[in-house]
Amino acid sequence: MNEVITVVATPASSGRFDAHIDGRYILTSPSPLLDVARILIERGTDPESRIVMRHAGTDYDAAWGRLGDLAGLRVTTAGDGRPILRRQDVAAALPVRSKRPRAPQARR
């Protein structure tokens, strides 16, 4: 079984949070758990890994899930300001460049 990844979120400014894993700064974001999940997938972490988020100074998990599931979500805002979670293809969410250029296609 995979180890659980714990993200600790601390308030930054204007609804944004600094996210840390094992004391290392990862990013500042309004949706740190989802954005950290995408970064970890991009870095090669197993999408089946469990990830949890805690707010600094608490001893309970505020949110949790499977890394691959959370990486595929985006937060949008409804007209009245409510947050809405929407599923998005992870490949579309991550601007990943191929390490090897594609072979040219032969013309027919």
PDB file of N, CA and C in Angstrom:
ATOM      1  N   MET A   1       0.846  -1.186   0.000  1.00  0.00           N
ATOM      2  CA  MET A   1       0.000   0.000   0.000  1.00  0.00           C
ATOM      3  C   MET A   1       0.884   1.240   0.000  1.00  0.00           C
ATOM      4  N   ASN A   2       0.448   2.268  -0.724  1.00  0.00           N
ATOM      5  CA  ASN A   2       1.215   3.506  -0.817  1.00  0.00           C
ATOM      6  C   ASN A   2       1.105   4.323   0.455  1.00  0.00           C
ATOM      7  N   GLU A   3       2.134   5.078   0.707  1.00  0.00           N
ATOM      8  CA  GLU A   3       2.145   5.984   1.847  1.00  0.00           C
ATOM      9  C   GLU A   3       1.202   7.158   1.572  1.00  0.00           C
ATOM     10  N   VAL A   4       0.622   7.735   2.607  1.00  0.00           N
ATOM     11  CA  VAL A   4      -0.265   8.881   2.452  1.00  0.00           C
ATOM     12  C   VAL A   4       0.578  10.147   2.368  1.00  0.00           C
ATOM     13  N   ILE A   5       0.291  10.986   1.389  1.00  0.00           N
ATOM     14  CA  ILE A   5       0.972  12.271   1.212  1.00  0.00           C
ATOM     15  C   ILE A   5       0.147  13.313   1.952  1.00  0.00           C
ATOM     16  N   THR A   6       0.797  14.077   2.834  1.00  0.00           N
ATOM     17  CA  THR A   6       0.089  15.103   3.608  1.00  0.00           C
ATOM     18  C   THR A   6       0.520  16.488   3.159  1.00  0.00           C
ATOM     19  N   VAL A   7      -0.443  17.267   2.719  1.00  0.00           N
ATOM     20  CA  VAL A   7      -0.225  18.660   2.337  1.00  0.00           C
ATOM     21  C   VAL A   7      -0.686  19.524   3.505  1.00  0.00           C
ATOM     22  N   VAL A   8       0.161  20.453   3.935  1.00  0.00           N
ATOM     23  CA  VAL A   8      -0.207  21.384   5.002  1.00  0.00           C
ATOM     24  C   VAL A   8      -0.411  22.754   4.359  1.00  0.00           C
ATOM     25  N   ALA A   9      -1.614  23.312   4.555  1.00  0.00           N
ATOM     26  CA  ALA A   9      -1.966  24.601   3.958  1.00  0.00           C
ATOM     27  C   ALA A   9      -1.947  25.699   5.011  1.00  0.00           C
ATOM     28  N   THR A  10      -1.305  26.814   4.677  1.00  0.00           N
ATOM     29  CA  THR A  10      -1.291  27.992   5.553  1.00  0.00           C
ATOM     30  C   THR A  10      -1.829  29.179   4.764  1.00  0.00           C
ATOM     31  N   PRO A  11      -2.624  30.042   5.388  1.00  0.00           N
ATOM     32  CA  PRO A  11      -3.170  31.198   4.668  1.00  0.00           C
ATOM     33  C   PRO A  11      -2.047  32.075   4.108  1.00  0.00           C
ATOM     34  N   ALA A  12      -2.219  32.514   2.867  1.00  0.00           N
ATOM     35  CA  ALA A  12      -1.250  33.421   2.238  1.00  0.00           C
ATOM     36  C   ALA A  12      -1.904  34.803   2.161  1.00  0.00           C
ATOM     37  N   SER A  13      -2.684  35.056   1.116  1.00  0.00           N
ATOM     38  CA  SER A  13      -3.411  36.318   0.999  1.00  0.00           C
ATOM     39  C   SER A  13      -4.519  36.164  -0.027  1.00  0.00           C
ATOM     40  N   SER A  14      -5.554  36.956   0.115  1.00  0.00           N
ATOM     41  CA  SER A  14      -6.661  37.003  -0.845  1.00  0.00           C
ATOM     42  C   SER A  14      -7.214  35.630  -1.210  1.00  0.00           C
ATOM     43  N   GLY A  15      -7.497  34.795  -0.205  1.00  0.00           N
ATOM     44  CA  GLY A  15      -8.083  33.489  -0.471  1.00  0.00           C
ATOM     45  C   GLY A  15      -7.123  32.463  -1.024  1.00  0.00           C
ATOM     46  N   ARG A  16      -5.844  32.725  -0.926  1.00  0.00           N
ATOM     47  CA  ARG A  16      -4.821  31.791  -1.423  1.00  0.00           C
ATOM     48  C   ARG A  16      -4.106  31.165  -0.233  1.00  0.00           C
ATOM     49  N   PHE A  17      -3.550  29.977  -0.465  1.00  0.00           N
ATOM     50  CA  PHE A  17      -2.861  29.237   0.584  1.00  0.00           C
ATOM     51  C   PHE A  17      -1.494  28.776   0.101  1.00  0.00           C
ATOM     52  N   ASP A  18      -0.517  28.821   1.011  1.00  0.00           N
ATOM     53  CA  ASP A  18       0.791  28.209   0.747  1.00  0.00           C
ATOM     54  C   ASP A  18       0.659  26.734   1.077  1.00  0.00           C
ATOM     55  N   ALA A  19       1.133  25.870   0.189  1.00  0.00           N
ATOM     56  CA  ALA A  19       1.065  24.425   0.405  1.00  0.00           C
ATOM     57  C   ALA A  19       2.467  23.884   0.619  1.00  0.00           C
ATOM     58  N   HIS A  20       2.613  23.042   1.651  1.00  0.00           N
ATOM     59  CA  HIS A  20       3.893  22.424   1.989  1.00  0.00           C
ATOM     60  C   HIS A  20       3.719  20.913   2.129  1.00  0.00           C
ATOM     61  N   ILE A  21       4.736  20.177   1.742  1.00  0.00           N
ATOM     62  CA  ILE A  21       4.801  18.730   1.989  1.00  0.00           C
ATOM     63  C   ILE A  21       6.111  18.479   2.716  1.00  0.00           C
ATOM     64  N   ASP A  22       6.033  17.843   3.870  1.00  0.00           N
ATOM     65  CA  ASP A  22       7.221  17.568   4.691  1.00  0.00           C
ATOM     66  C   ASP A  22       8.039  18.832   4.934  1.00  0.00           C
ATOM     67  N   GLY A  23       7.352  19.966   5.145  1.00  0.00           N
ATOM     68  CA  GLY A  23       8.029  21.219   5.436  1.00  0.00           C
ATOM     69  C   GLY A  23       8.574  21.944   4.221  1.00  0.00           C
ATOM     70  N   ARG A  24       8.459  21.351   3.027  1.00  0.00           N
ATOM     71  CA  ARG A  24       8.961  21.991   1.802  1.00  0.00           C
ATOM     72  C   ARG A  24       7.829  22.727   1.095  1.00  0.00           C
ATOM     73  N   TYR A  25       8.086  23.989   0.758  1.00  0.00           N
ATOM     74  CA  TYR A  25       7.103  24.792   0.029  1.00  0.00           C
ATOM     75  C   TYR A  25       6.888  24.188  -1.358  1.00  0.00           C
ATOM     76  N   ILE A  26       5.612  24.052  -1.764  1.00  0.00           N
ATOM     77  CA  ILE A  26       5.286  23.528  -3.090  1.00  0.00           C
ATOM     78  C   ILE A  26       4.710  24.635  -3.966  1.00  0.00           C
ATOM     79  N   LEU A  27       3.685  25.352  -3.480  1.00  0.00           N
ATOM     80  CA  LEU A  27       3.053  26.399  -4.279  1.00  0.00           C
ATOM     81  C   LEU A  27       2.139  27.255  -3.430  1.00  0.00           C
ATOM     82  N   THR A  28       1.637  28.334  -4.023  1.00  0.00           N
ATOM     83  CA  THR A  28       0.603  29.167  -3.427  1.00  0.00           C
ATOM     84  C   THR A  28      -0.576  29.143  -4.389  1.00  0.00           C
ATOM     85  N   SER A  29      -1.767  28.847  -3.869  1.00  0.00           N
ATOM     86  CA  SER A  29      -2.916  28.634  -4.743  1.00  0.00           C
ATOM     87  C   SER A  29      -4.225  28.814  -3.977  1.00  0.00           C
ATOM     88  N   PRO A  30      -5.306  29.160  -4.689  1.00  0.00           N
ATOM     89  CA  PRO A  30      -6.611  29.186  -4.043  1.00  0.00           C
ATOM     90  C   PRO A  30      -7.172  27.772  -3.830  1.00  0.00           C
ATOM     91  N   SER A  31      -6.646  26.789  -4.551  1.00  0.00           N
ATOM     92  CA  SER A  31      -7.068  25.384  -4.381  1.00  0.00           C
ATOM     93  C   SER A  31      -5.827  24.500  -4.282  1.00  0.00           C
ATOM     94  N   PRO A  32      -5.117  24.599  -3.149  1.00  0.00           N
ATOM     95  CA  PRO A  32      -3.812  23.947  -3.026  1.00  0.00           C
ATOM     96  C   PRO A  32      -3.839  22.429  -3.172  1.00  0.00           C
ATOM     97  N   LEU A  33      -4.833  21.748  -2.659  1.00  0.00           N
ATOM     98  CA  LEU A  33      -4.842  20.287  -2.744  1.00  0.00           C
ATOM     99  C   LEU A  33      -4.906  19.823  -4.193  1.00  0.00           C
ATOM    100  N   LEU A  34      -5.780  20.430  -4.975  1.00  0.00           N
ATOM    101  CA  LEU A  34      -5.931  20.032  -6.378  1.00  0.00           C
ATOM    102  C   LEU A  34      -4.692  20.381  -7.189  1.00  0.00           C
ATOM    103  N   ASP A  35      -4.131  21.562  -6.955  1.00  0.00           N
ATOM    104  CA  ASP A  35      -2.948  21.974  -7.706  1.00  0.00           C
ATOM    105  C   ASP A  35      -1.714  21.156  -7.326  1.00  0.00           C
ATOM    106  N   VAL A  36      -1.567  20.831  -6.047  1.00  0.00           N
ATOM    107  CA  VAL A  36      -0.450  19.971  -5.622  1.00  0.00           C
ATOM    108  C   VAL A  36      -0.607  18.589  -6.246  1.00  0.00           C
ATOM    109  N   ALA A  37      -1.830  18.075  -6.307  1.00  0.00           N
ATOM    110  CA  ALA A  37      -2.063  16.762  -6.915  1.00  0.00           C
ATOM    111  C   ALA A  37      -1.582  16.752  -8.362  1.00  0.00           C
ATOM    112  N   ARG A  38      -1.874  17.806  -9.127  1.00  0.00           N
ATOM    113  CA  ARG A  38      -1.417  17.867 -10.522  1.00  0.00           C
ATOM    114  C   ARG A  38       0.103  17.922 -10.609  1.00  0.00           C
ATOM    115  N   ILE A  39       0.726  18.691  -9.724  1.00  0.00           N
ATOM    116  CA  ILE A  39       2.190  18.781  -9.732  1.00  0.00           C
ATOM    117  C   ILE A  39       2.812  17.423  -9.421  1.00  0.00           C
ATOM    118  N   LEU A  40       2.277  16.721  -8.426  1.00  0.00           N
ATOM    119  CA  LEU A  40       2.834  15.419  -8.063  1.00  0.00           C
ATOM    120  C   LEU A  40       2.678  14.402  -9.192  1.00  0.00           C
ATOM    121  N   ILE A  41       1.547  14.416  -9.880  1.00  0.00           N
ATOM    122  CA  ILE A  41       1.349  13.531 -11.029  1.00  0.00           C
ATOM    123  C   ILE A  41       2.380  13.863 -12.102  1.00  0.00           C
ATOM    124  N   GLU A  42       2.569  15.154 -12.356  1.00  0.00           N
ATOM    125  CA  GLU A  42       3.542  15.594 -13.367  1.00  0.00           C
ATOM    126  C   GLU A  42       4.953  15.130 -13.012  1.00  0.00           C
ATOM    127  N   ARG A  43       5.258  15.071 -11.722  1.00  0.00           N
ATOM    128  CA  ARG A  43       6.587  14.644 -11.265  1.00  0.00           C
ATOM    129  C   ARG A  43       6.726  13.128 -11.186  1.00  0.00           C
ATOM    130  N   GLY A  44       5.656  12.396 -11.540  1.00  0.00           N
ATOM    131  CA  GLY A  44       5.755  10.952 -11.599  1.00  0.00           C
ATOM    132  C   GLY A  44       5.232  10.194 -10.393  1.00  0.00           C
ATOM    133  N   THR A  45       4.545  10.858  -9.484  1.00  0.00           N
ATOM    134  CA  THR A  45       3.980  10.170  -8.324  1.00  0.00           C
ATOM    135  C   THR A  45       2.825   9.282  -8.778  1.00  0.00           C
ATOM    136  N   ASP A  46       2.706   8.123  -8.179  1.00  0.00           N
ATOM    137  CA  ASP A  46       1.670   7.157  -8.522  1.00  0.00           C
ATOM    138  C   ASP A  46       0.283   7.774  -8.339  1.00  0.00           C
ATOM    139  N   PRO A  47      -0.548   7.794  -9.384  1.00  0.00           N
ATOM    140  CA  PRO A  47      -1.889   8.366  -9.276  1.00  0.00           C
ATOM    141  C   PRO A  47      -2.787   7.641  -8.271  1.00  0.00           C
ATOM    142  N   GLU A  48      -2.425   6.415  -7.883  1.00  0.00           N
ATOM    143  CA  GLU A  48      -3.207   5.666  -6.898  1.00  0.00           C
ATOM    144  C   GLU A  48      -2.885   6.088  -5.462  1.00  0.00           C
ATOM    145  N   SER A  49      -1.866   6.919  -5.280  1.00  0.00           N
ATOM    146  CA  SER A  49      -1.471   7.369  -3.939  1.00  0.00           C
ATOM    147  C   SER A  49      -2.601   8.144  -3.281  1.00  0.00           C
ATOM    148  N   ARG A  50      -2.686   8.038  -1.964  1.00  0.00           N
ATOM    149  CA  ARG A  50      -3.662   8.803  -1.185  1.00  0.00           C
ATOM    150  C   ARG A  50      -3.018  10.132  -0.800  1.00  0.00           C
ATOM    151  N   ILE A  51      -3.794  11.200  -0.834  1.00  0.00           N
ATOM    152  CA  ILE A  51      -3.303  12.521  -0.467  1.00  0.00           C
ATOM    153  C   ILE A  51      -4.333  13.168   0.462  1.00  0.00           C
ATOM    154  N   VAL A  52      -3.854  13.837   1.478  1.00  0.00           N
ATOM    155  CA  VAL A  52      -4.724  14.546   2.413  1.00  0.00           C
ATOM    156  C   VAL A  52      -4.215  15.970   2.571  1.00  0.00           C
ATOM    157  N   MET A  53      -5.108  16.873   2.964  1.00  0.00           N
ATOM    158  CA  MET A  53      -4.711  18.245   3.249  1.00  0.00           C
ATOM    159  C   MET A  53      -5.188  18.617   4.644  1.00  0.00           C
ATOM    160  N   ARG A  54      -4.285  19.234   5.390  1.00  0.00           N
ATOM    161  CA  ARG A  54      -4.593  19.763   6.718  1.00  0.00           C
ATOM    162  C   ARG A  54      -4.255  21.238   6.722  1.00  0.00           C
ATOM    163  N   HIS A  55      -5.015  21.986   7.497  1.00  0.00           N
ATOM    164  CA  HIS A  55      -4.656  23.384   7.703  1.00  0.00           C
ATOM    165  C   HIS A  55      -3.620  23.423   8.818  1.00  0.00           C
ATOM    166  N   ALA A  56      -2.638  24.285   8.681  1.00  0.00           N
ATOM    167  CA  ALA A  56      -1.562  24.397   9.670  1.00  0.00           C
ATOM    168  C   ALA A  56      -2.147  24.558  11.069  1.00  0.00           C
ATOM    169  N   GLY A  57      -1.591  23.819  12.019  1.00  0.00           N
ATOM    170  CA  GLY A  57      -2.011  23.913  13.409  1.00  0.00           C
ATOM    171  C   GLY A  57      -3.158  22.994  13.783  1.00  0.00           C
ATOM    172  N   THR A  58      -3.680  22.225  12.818  1.00  0.00           N
ATOM    173  CA  THR A  58      -4.761  21.296  13.135  1.00  0.00           C
ATOM    174  C   THR A  58      -4.237  19.864  13.095  1.00  0.00           C
ATOM    175  N   ASP A  59      -4.967  18.954  13.747  1.00  0.00           N
ATOM    176  CA  ASP A  59      -4.546  17.552  13.757  1.00  0.00           C
ATOM    177  C   ASP A  59      -5.572  16.667  13.048  1.00  0.00           C
ATOM    178  N   TYR A  60      -6.372  17.267  12.162  1.00  0.00           N
ATOM    179  CA  TYR A  60      -7.357  16.501  11.405  1.00  0.00           C
ATOM    180  C   TYR A  60      -7.272  16.881   9.917  1.00  0.00           C
ATOM    181  N   ASP A  61      -7.714  15.972   9.076  1.00  0.00           N
ATOM    182  CA  ASP A  61      -7.674  16.190   7.634  1.00  0.00           C
ATOM    183  C   ASP A  61      -8.886  17.006   7.202  1.00  0.00           C
ATOM    184  N   ALA A  62      -8.644  18.070   6.440  1.00  0.00           N
ATOM    185  CA  ALA A  62      -9.729  18.911   5.929  1.00  0.00           C
ATOM    186  C   ALA A  62     -10.289  18.347   4.628  1.00  0.00           C
ATOM    187  N   ALA A  63      -9.443  17.690   3.837  1.00  0.00           N
ATOM    188  CA  ALA A  63      -9.859  17.104   2.558  1.00  0.00           C
ATOM    189  C   ALA A  63      -8.901  15.972   2.227  1.00  0.00           C
ATOM    190  N   TRP A  64      -9.369  15.003   1.450  1.00  0.00           N
ATOM    191  CA  TRP A  64      -8.538  13.849   1.110  1.00  0.00           C
ATOM    192  C   TRP A  64      -9.078  13.179  -0.139  1.00  0.00           C
ATOM    193  N   GLY A  65      -8.267  12.320  -0.719  1.00  0.00           N
ATOM    194  CA  GLY A  65      -8.699  11.560  -1.891  1.00  0.00           C
ATOM    195  C   GLY A  65      -7.551  10.835  -2.542  1.00  0.00           C
ATOM    196  N   ARG A  66      -7.851  10.232  -3.693  1.00  0.00           N
ATOM    197  CA  ARG A  66      -6.840   9.556  -4.496  1.00  0.00           C
ATOM    198  C   ARG A  66      -6.199  10.609  -5.395  1.00  0.00           C
ATOM    199  N   LEU A  67      -4.887  10.610  -5.481  1.00  0.00           N
ATOM    200  CA  LEU A  67      -4.139  11.622  -6.214  1.00  0.00           C
ATOM    201  C   LEU A  67      -4.668  11.807  -7.636  1.00  0.00           C
ATOM    202  N   GLY A  68      -4.868  10.702  -8.361  1.00  0.00           N
ATOM    203  CA  GLY A  68      -5.332  10.798  -9.739  1.00  0.00           C
ATOM    204  C   GLY A  68      -6.718  11.416  -9.857  1.00  0.00           C
ATOM    205  N   ASP A  69      -7.594  11.138  -8.899  1.00  0.00           N
ATOM    206  CA  ASP A  69      -8.940  11.724  -8.920  1.00  0.00           C
ATOM    207  C   ASP A  69      -8.881  13.234  -8.688  1.00  0.00           C
ATOM    208  N   LEU A  70      -8.116  13.648  -7.684  1.00  0.00           N
ATOM    209  CA  LEU A  70      -8.046  15.071  -7.342  1.00  0.00           C
ATOM    210  C   LEU A  70      -7.338  15.879  -8.423  1.00  0.00           C
ATOM    211  N   ALA A  71      -6.358  15.270  -9.079  1.00  0.00           N
ATOM    212  CA  ALA A  71      -5.640  15.980 -10.144  1.00  0.00           C
ATOM    213  C   ALA A  71      -6.566  16.305 -11.314  1.00  0.00           C
ATOM    214  N   GLY A  72      -7.642  15.559 -11.456  1.00  0.00           N
ATOM    215  CA  GLY A  72      -8.568  15.769 -12.554  1.00  0.00           C
ATOM    216  C   GLY A  72      -9.707  16.732 -12.243  1.00  0.00           C
ATOM    217  N   LEU A  73      -9.636  17.428 -11.115  1.00  0.00           N
ATOM    218  CA  LEU A  73     -10.698  18.369 -10.746  1.00  0.00           C
ATOM    219  C   LEU A  73     -10.207  19.808 -10.853  1.00  0.00           C
ATOM    220  N   ARG A  74     -11.126  20.697 -11.184  1.00  0.00           N
ATOM    221  CA  ARG A  74     -10.875  22.142 -11.198  1.00  0.00           C
ATOM    222  C   ARG A  74     -11.965  22.815 -10.391  1.00  0.00           C
ATOM    223  N   VAL A  75     -11.649  23.932  -9.775  1.00  0.00           N
ATOM    224  CA  VAL A  75     -12.648  24.716  -9.054  1.00  0.00           C
ATOM    225  C   VAL A  75     -13.028  25.901  -9.936  1.00  0.00           C
ATOM    226  N   THR A  76     -14.325  26.040 -10.179  1.00  0.00           N
ATOM    227  CA  THR A  76     -14.837  27.219 -10.862  1.00  0.00           C
ATOM    228  C   THR A  76     -15.790  27.916  -9.890  1.00  0.00           C
ATOM    229  N   THR A  77     -16.267  29.083 -10.268  1.00  0.00           N
ATOM    230  CA  THR A  77     -17.142  29.837  -9.382  1.00  0.00           C
ATOM    231  C   THR A  77     -18.482  30.069 -10.057  1.00  0.00           C
ATOM    232  N   ALA A  78     -19.550  29.802  -9.332  1.00  0.00           N
ATOM    233  CA  ALA A  78     -20.904  30.061  -9.822  1.00  0.00           C
ATOM    234  C   ALA A  78     -21.145  31.570  -9.807  1.00  0.00           C
ATOM    235  N   GLY A  79     -22.194  32.003 -10.474  1.00  0.00           N
ATOM    236  CA  GLY A  79     -22.523  33.423 -10.539  1.00  0.00           C
ATOM    237  C   GLY A  79     -22.726  34.056  -9.174  1.00  0.00           C
ATOM    238  N   ASP A  80     -23.168  33.246  -8.197  1.00  0.00           N
ATOM    239  CA  ASP A  80     -23.387  33.788  -6.852  1.00  0.00           C
ATOM    240  C   ASP A  80     -22.166  33.625  -5.945  1.00  0.00           C
ATOM    241  N   GLY A  81     -21.035  33.182  -6.520  1.00  0.00           N
ATOM    242  CA  GLY A  81     -19.796  33.068  -5.757  1.00  0.00           C
ATOM    243  C   GLY A  81     -19.511  31.707  -5.160  1.00  0.00           C
ATOM    244  N   ARG A  82     -20.468  30.770  -5.272  1.00  0.00           N
ATOM    245  CA  ARG A  82     -20.239  29.423  -4.725  1.00  0.00           C
ATOM    246  C   ARG A  82     -19.176  28.699  -5.528  1.00  0.00           C
ATOM    247  N   PRO A  83     -18.286  27.971  -4.869  1.00  0.00           N
ATOM    248  CA  PRO A  83     -17.301  27.161  -5.605  1.00  0.00           C
ATOM    249  C   PRO A  83     -17.965  25.906  -6.174  1.00  0.00           C
ATOM    250  N   ILE A  84     -17.557  25.529  -7.374  1.00  0.00           N
ATOM    251  CA  ILE A  84     -18.072  24.333  -8.038  1.00  0.00           C
ATOM    252  C   ILE A  84     -16.878  23.495  -8.496  1.00  0.00           C
ATOM    253  N   LEU A  85     -16.877  22.202  -8.133  1.00  0.00           N
ATOM    254  CA  LEU A  85     -15.833  21.292  -8.601  1.00  0.00           C
ATOM    255  C   LEU A  85     -16.252  20.729  -9.952  1.00  0.00           C
ATOM    256  N   ARG A  86     -15.347  20.774 -10.903  1.00  0.00           N
ATOM    257  CA  ARG A  86     -15.609  20.230 -12.240  1.00  0.00           C
ATOM    258  C   ARG A  86     -14.481  19.273 -12.610  1.00  0.00           C
ATOM    259  N   ARG A  87     -14.876  18.173 -13.258  1.00  0.00           N
ATOM    260  CA  ARG A  87     -13.893  17.199 -13.723  1.00  0.00           C
ATOM    261  C   ARG A  87     -13.231  17.717 -14.985  1.00  0.00           C
ATOM    262  N   GLN A  88     -11.919  17.548 -15.056  1.00  0.00           N
ATOM    263  CA  GLN A  88     -11.158  17.946 -16.235  1.00  0.00           C
ATOM    264  C   GLN A  88     -10.122  16.879 -16.518  1.00  0.00           C
ATOM    265  N   ASP A  89      -9.897  16.600 -17.772  1.00  0.00           N
ATOM    266  CA  ASP A  89      -8.907  15.606 -18.158  1.00  0.00           C
ATOM    267  C   ASP A  89      -7.534  16.051 -17.673  1.00  0.00           C
ATOM    268  N   VAL A  90      -6.832  15.166 -16.955  1.00  0.00           N
ATOM    269  CA  VAL A  90      -5.515  15.506 -16.394  1.00  0.00           C
ATOM    270  C   VAL A  90      -4.534  15.871 -17.494  1.00  0.00           C
ATOM    271  N   ALA A  91      -4.570  15.153 -18.611  1.00  0.00           N
ATOM    272  CA  ALA A  91      -3.649  15.450 -19.710  1.00  0.00           C
ATOM    273  C   ALA A  91      -3.858  16.873 -20.213  1.00  0.00           C
ATOM    274  N   ALA A  92      -5.099  17.330 -20.245  1.00  0.00           N
ATOM    275  CA  ALA A  92      -5.378  18.697 -20.694  1.00  0.00           C
ATOM    276  C   ALA A  92      -4.953  19.708 -19.639  1.00  0.00           C
ATOM    277  N   ALA A  93      -4.973  19.303 -18.365  1.00  0.00           N
ATOM    278  CA  ALA A  93      -4.641  20.221 -17.283  1.00  0.00           C
ATOM    279  C   ALA A  93      -3.140  20.425 -17.132  1.00  0.00           C
ATOM    280  N   LEU A  94      -2.363  19.448 -17.577  1.00  0.00           N
ATOM    281  CA  LEU A  94      -0.916  19.523 -17.411  1.00  0.00           C
ATOM    282  C   LEU A  94      -0.230  19.832 -18.736  1.00  0.00           C
ATOM    283  N   PRO A  95       0.425  20.970 -18.844  1.00  0.00           N
ATOM    284  CA  PRO A  95       1.146  21.272 -20.080  1.00  0.00           C
ATOM    285  C   PRO A  95       2.467  20.505 -20.097  1.00  0.00           C
ATOM    286  N   VAL A  96       2.417  19.279 -20.554  1.00  0.00           N
ATOM    287  CA  VAL A  96       3.599  18.420 -20.563  1.00  0.00           C
ATOM    288  C   VAL A  96       4.160  18.360 -21.974  1.00  0.00           C
ATOM    289  N   ARG A  97       5.453  18.556 -22.093  1.00  0.00           N
ATOM    290  CA  ARG A  97       6.114  18.497 -23.380  1.00  0.00           C
ATOM    291  C   ARG A  97       6.789  17.154 -23.519  1.00  0.00           C
ATOM    292  N   SER A  98       6.711  16.582 -24.671  1.00  0.00           N
ATOM    293  CA  SER A  98       7.342  15.292 -24.928  1.00  0.00           C
ATOM    294  C   SER A  98       8.851  15.444 -24.842  1.00  0.00           C
ATOM    295  N   LYS A  99       9.508  14.445 -24.252  1.00  0.00           N
ATOM    296  CA  LYS A  99      10.962  14.491 -24.140  1.00  0.00           C
ATOM    297  C   LYS A  99      11.633  14.188 -25.476  1.00  0.00           C
ATOM    298  N   ARG A 100      10.928  13.431 -26.320  1.00  0.00           N
ATOM    299  CA  ARG A 100      11.460  13.037 -27.611  1.00  0.00           C
ATOM    300  C   ARG A 100      10.613  13.655 -28.709  1.00  0.00           C
ATOM    301  N   PRO A 101      11.218  14.310 -29.682  1.00  0.00           N
ATOM    302  CA  PRO A 101      10.397  14.844 -30.768  1.00  0.00           C
ATOM    303  C   PRO A 101       9.797  13.700 -31.578  1.00  0.00           C
ATOM    304  N   ARG A 102       8.629  13.938 -32.124  1.00  0.00           N
ATOM    305  CA  ARG A 102       7.980  12.923 -32.952  1.00  0.00           C
ATOM    306  C   ARG A 102       8.708  12.785 -34.270  1.00  0.00           C
ATOM    307  N   ALA A 103       8.694  11.570 -34.800  1.00  0.00           N
ATOM    308  CA  ALA A 103       9.284  11.320 -36.111  1.00  0.00           C
ATOM    309  C   ALA A 103       8.414  11.995 -37.166  1.00  0.00           C
ATOM    310  N   PRO A 104       9.022  12.574 -38.187  1.00  0.00           N
ATOM    311  CA  PRO A 104       8.211  13.212 -39.224  1.00  0.00           C
ATOM    312  C   PRO A 104       7.335  12.178 -39.939  1.00  0.00           C
ATOM    313  N   GLN A 105       6.131  12.588 -40.293  1.00  0.00           N
ATOM    314  CA  GLN A 105       5.208  11.726 -41.002  1.00  0.00           C
ATOM    315  C   GLN A 105       5.560  11.721 -42.483  1.00  0.00           C
ATOM    316  N   ALA A 106       5.559  10.532 -43.073  1.00  0.00           N
ATOM    317  CA  ALA A 106       5.828  10.419 -44.512  1.00  0.00           C
ATOM    318  C   ALA A 106       4.594  10.892 -45.266  1.00  0.00           C
ATOM    319  N   ARG A 107       4.833  11.639 -46.323  1.00  0.00           N
ATOM    320  CA  ARG A 107       3.711  12.118 -47.157  1.00  0.00           C
ATOM    321  C   ARG A 107       3.356  11.041 -48.152  1.00  0.00           C
ATOM    322  N   ARG A 108       2.085  10.924 -48.398  1.00  0.00           N
ATOM    323  CA  ARG A 108       1.622   9.903 -49.338  1.00  0.00           C
ATOM    324  C   ARG A 108       1.066  10.541 -50.571  1.00  0.00           C
TER     325      ARG A 108
END
